[in-house]
Amino acid sequence: TPLVVYFGDAPNDEEAMAETLAAGGIAVGVGPQPPAAASHRLPDPERLTELLTNLTGELTAAHGHDRGDPADSPGVMV
């Protein structure tokens, strides 16, 4: 089952975050004033980059890939 994760940093992300949460996903606000609908928060874009880099590495390892584009791994959409 896919998991929807939405990242946003501005008020115009509120509606998409609300829809993501309603669908059982995760809404992550990024920056010093994240959208109020965010269920989780990251302090800045650098932390988002770090999170996505670590997540892609974990997913790649879990699928037995040592090298290559993580997007080539089954179940990983970038």
N, C-alpha and C. Protein backbone atom coordinates (compact mmCIF):
# COMPACT_ATOMS: atom_id res chain seq x y z
N THR A 1 0.84 -1.17 0.00
CA THR A 1 0.00 0.00 0.00
C THR A 1 0.88 1.24 0.00
N PRO A 2 0.68 2.13 -0.95
CA PRO A 2 1.48 3.35 -0.98
C PRO A 2 1.16 4.28 0.18
N LEU A 3 2.15 5.01 0.59
CA LEU A 3 1.98 6.03 1.62
C LEU A 3 2.24 7.38 0.98
N VAL A 4 1.28 8.29 1.09
CA VAL A 4 1.43 9.63 0.53
C VAL A 4 2.07 10.52 1.59
N VAL A 5 3.13 11.23 1.18
CA VAL A 5 3.79 12.19 2.06
C VAL A 5 3.85 13.50 1.29
N TYR A 6 3.35 14.57 1.91
CA TYR A 6 3.35 15.89 1.28
C TYR A 6 4.22 16.82 2.10
N PHE A 7 5.12 17.53 1.43
CA PHE A 7 5.99 18.51 2.08
C PHE A 7 5.58 19.90 1.59
N GLY A 8 5.42 20.84 2.52
CA GLY A 8 5.05 22.18 2.12
C GLY A 8 5.60 23.21 3.09
N ASP A 9 5.75 24.44 2.58
CA ASP A 9 6.32 25.50 3.41
C ASP A 9 5.55 26.81 3.38
N ALA A 10 4.34 26.77 2.81
CA ALA A 10 3.60 28.03 2.65
C ALA A 10 2.09 27.80 2.83
N PRO A 11 1.36 28.87 3.07
CA PRO A 11 -0.09 28.75 3.26
C PRO A 11 -0.81 28.09 2.09
N ASN A 12 -0.29 28.24 0.88
CA ASN A 12 -0.97 27.62 -0.26
C ASN A 12 -0.85 26.09 -0.26
N ASP A 13 -0.12 25.52 0.71
CA ASP A 13 -0.01 24.07 0.85
C ASP A 13 -1.08 23.48 1.77
N GLU A 14 -1.83 24.33 2.45
CA GLU A 14 -2.82 23.87 3.44
C GLU A 14 -3.81 22.85 2.87
N GLU A 15 -4.41 23.17 1.74
CA GLU A 15 -5.43 22.28 1.17
C GLU A 15 -4.86 20.92 0.81
N ALA A 16 -3.70 20.91 0.19
CA ALA A 16 -3.07 19.63 -0.18
C ALA A 16 -2.70 18.83 1.06
N MET A 17 -2.25 19.52 2.10
CA MET A 17 -1.92 18.82 3.34
C MET A 17 -3.16 18.21 3.97
N ALA A 18 -4.24 18.95 3.99
CA ALA A 18 -5.49 18.44 4.55
C ALA A 18 -5.96 17.21 3.78
N GLU A 19 -5.84 17.25 2.47
CA GLU A 19 -6.25 16.10 1.64
C GLU A 19 -5.33 14.90 1.89
N THR A 20 -4.05 15.17 2.04
CA THR A 20 -3.08 14.11 2.33
C THR A 20 -3.42 13.43 3.65
N LEU A 21 -3.69 14.23 4.67
CA LEU A 21 -4.04 13.67 5.98
C LEU A 21 -5.34 12.89 5.92
N ALA A 22 -6.33 13.40 5.19
CA ALA A 22 -7.62 12.71 5.06
C ALA A 22 -7.47 11.35 4.38
N ALA A 23 -6.44 11.24 3.52
CA ALA A 23 -6.19 9.97 2.82
C ALA A 23 -5.30 9.04 3.64
N GLY A 24 -4.96 9.45 4.87
CA GLY A 24 -4.13 8.60 5.72
C GLY A 24 -2.64 8.83 5.53
N GLY A 25 -2.27 9.92 4.86
CA GLY A 25 -0.87 10.22 4.61
C GLY A 25 -0.25 11.07 5.69
N ILE A 26 0.92 11.58 5.39
CA ILE A 26 1.70 12.39 6.31
C ILE A 26 1.93 13.75 5.67
N ALA A 27 1.66 14.82 6.40
CA ALA A 27 1.87 16.18 5.92
C ALA A 27 2.99 16.81 6.73
N VAL A 28 4.07 17.18 6.04
CA VAL A 28 5.25 17.71 6.72
C VAL A 28 5.44 19.18 6.36
N GLY A 29 5.40 20.04 7.38
CA GLY A 29 5.67 21.45 7.18
C GLY A 29 7.16 21.70 7.27
N VAL A 30 7.67 22.54 6.38
CA VAL A 30 9.10 22.82 6.32
C VAL A 30 9.33 24.31 6.55
N GLY A 31 10.27 24.62 7.43
CA GLY A 31 10.64 26.01 7.64
C GLY A 31 10.11 26.58 8.93
N PRO A 32 10.40 27.86 9.16
CA PRO A 32 10.06 28.49 10.44
C PRO A 32 8.56 28.74 10.64
N GLN A 33 7.80 28.84 9.57
CA GLN A 33 6.36 29.06 9.68
C GLN A 33 5.62 28.07 8.79
N PRO A 34 5.63 26.79 9.17
CA PRO A 34 5.01 25.76 8.34
C PRO A 34 3.48 25.92 8.34
N PRO A 35 2.83 25.40 7.33
CA PRO A 35 1.37 25.44 7.29
C PRO A 35 0.78 24.78 8.55
N ALA A 36 -0.30 25.33 9.03
CA ALA A 36 -0.93 24.85 10.26
C ALA A 36 -1.42 23.40 10.13
N ALA A 37 -1.74 22.97 8.94
CA ALA A 37 -2.26 21.61 8.73
C ALA A 37 -1.18 20.54 8.85
N ALA A 38 0.07 20.92 8.94
CA ALA A 38 1.16 19.95 8.98
C ALA A 38 1.06 19.06 10.22
N SER A 39 1.20 17.75 10.01
CA SER A 39 1.18 16.82 11.14
C SER A 39 2.59 16.62 11.71
N HIS A 40 3.60 16.97 10.92
CA HIS A 40 5.00 16.88 11.32
C HIS A 40 5.72 18.12 10.81
N ARG A 41 6.89 18.39 11.40
CA ARG A 41 7.62 19.60 11.01
C ARG A 41 9.12 19.34 10.88
N LEU A 42 9.72 20.05 9.93
CA LEU A 42 11.17 20.09 9.77
C LEU A 42 11.58 21.56 9.82
N PRO A 43 12.70 21.87 10.46
CA PRO A 43 13.05 23.27 10.67
C PRO A 43 13.48 24.03 9.42
N ASP A 44 13.99 23.31 8.40
CA ASP A 44 14.49 24.02 7.22
C ASP A 44 14.64 23.05 6.05
N PRO A 45 14.84 23.58 4.83
CA PRO A 45 14.99 22.71 3.66
C PRO A 45 16.19 21.77 3.75
N GLU A 46 17.24 22.18 4.46
CA GLU A 46 18.40 21.31 4.59
C GLU A 46 18.04 20.03 5.32
N ARG A 47 17.21 20.12 6.34
CA ARG A 47 16.77 18.91 7.06
C ARG A 47 15.89 18.04 6.17
N LEU A 48 15.10 18.66 5.29
CA LEU A 48 14.30 17.89 4.34
C LEU A 48 15.22 17.11 3.40
N THR A 49 16.25 17.75 2.91
CA THR A 49 17.21 17.08 2.04
C THR A 49 17.86 15.91 2.76
N GLU A 50 18.24 16.13 4.00
CA GLU A 50 18.85 15.07 4.81
C GLU A 50 17.87 13.90 5.00
N LEU A 51 16.63 14.21 5.33
CA LEU A 51 15.61 13.18 5.52
C LEU A 51 15.42 12.36 4.25
N LEU A 52 15.27 13.03 3.11
CA LEU A 52 15.03 12.32 1.87
C LEU A 52 16.24 11.50 1.44
N THR A 53 17.44 12.02 1.67
CA THR A 53 18.65 11.27 1.35
C THR A 53 18.73 9.99 2.18
N ASN A 54 18.48 10.12 3.48
CA ASN A 54 18.50 8.94 4.35
C ASN A 54 17.41 7.95 3.99
N LEU A 55 16.22 8.44 3.73
CA LEU A 55 15.09 7.57 3.37
C LEU A 55 15.37 6.82 2.08
N THR A 56 15.90 7.52 1.09
CA THR A 56 16.19 6.85 -0.18
C THR A 56 17.26 5.78 0.00
N GLY A 57 18.25 6.08 0.83
CA GLY A 57 19.28 5.08 1.10
C GLY A 57 18.71 3.86 1.78
N GLU A 58 17.84 4.06 2.75
CA GLU A 58 17.21 2.94 3.46
C GLU A 58 16.34 2.12 2.51
N LEU A 59 15.56 2.78 1.68
CA LEU A 59 14.69 2.06 0.74
C LEU A 59 15.52 1.30 -0.29
N THR A 60 16.58 1.92 -0.75
CA THR A 60 17.45 1.26 -1.72
C THR A 60 18.08 0.01 -1.09
N ALA A 61 18.57 0.13 0.13
CA ALA A 61 19.16 -1.01 0.82
C ALA A 61 18.13 -2.11 1.07
N ALA A 62 16.93 -1.72 1.42
CA ALA A 62 15.88 -2.70 1.70
C ALA A 62 15.50 -3.50 0.46
N HIS A 63 15.71 -2.92 -0.70
CA HIS A 63 15.39 -3.61 -1.94
C HIS A 63 16.60 -4.30 -2.55
N GLY A 64 17.73 -4.31 -1.81
CA GLY A 64 18.90 -5.04 -2.25
C GLY A 64 19.71 -4.36 -3.32
N HIS A 65 19.54 -3.06 -3.51
CA HIS A 65 20.31 -2.34 -4.52
C HIS A 65 21.50 -1.67 -3.84
N ASP A 66 22.67 -1.91 -4.40
CA ASP A 66 23.87 -1.28 -3.84
C ASP A 66 24.16 0.05 -4.51
N ARG A 67 23.80 0.16 -5.77
CA ARG A 67 24.14 1.36 -6.52
C ARG A 67 23.01 1.71 -7.46
N GLY A 68 23.16 2.84 -8.12
CA GLY A 68 22.18 3.24 -9.11
C GLY A 68 21.19 4.23 -8.57
N ASP A 69 20.26 4.56 -9.40
CA ASP A 69 19.25 5.55 -9.09
C ASP A 69 18.22 4.93 -8.13
N PRO A 70 18.01 5.52 -6.93
CA PRO A 70 17.03 4.96 -6.00
C PRO A 70 15.64 4.91 -6.60
N ALA A 71 15.35 5.76 -7.54
CA ALA A 71 14.03 5.74 -8.17
C ALA A 71 13.80 4.47 -8.98
N ASP A 72 14.87 3.74 -9.28
CA ASP A 72 14.73 2.48 -10.00
C ASP A 72 14.26 1.36 -9.08
N SER A 73 14.26 1.61 -7.78
CA SER A 73 13.81 0.59 -6.82
C SER A 73 12.30 0.49 -6.83
N PRO A 74 11.76 -0.74 -6.79
CA PRO A 74 10.31 -0.91 -6.76
C PRO A 74 9.71 -0.19 -5.55
N GLY A 75 8.63 0.51 -5.77
CA GLY A 75 7.92 1.16 -4.67
C GLY A 75 8.46 2.52 -4.30
N VAL A 76 9.50 3.00 -4.98
CA VAL A 76 10.07 4.31 -4.67
C VAL A 76 9.68 5.27 -5.77
N MET A 77 8.93 6.28 -5.41
CA MET A 77 8.56 7.33 -6.37
C MET A 77 9.18 8.64 -5.89
N VAL A 78 9.87 9.30 -6.78
CA VAL A 78 10.53 10.56 -6.44
C VAL A 78 9.85 11.67 -7.20
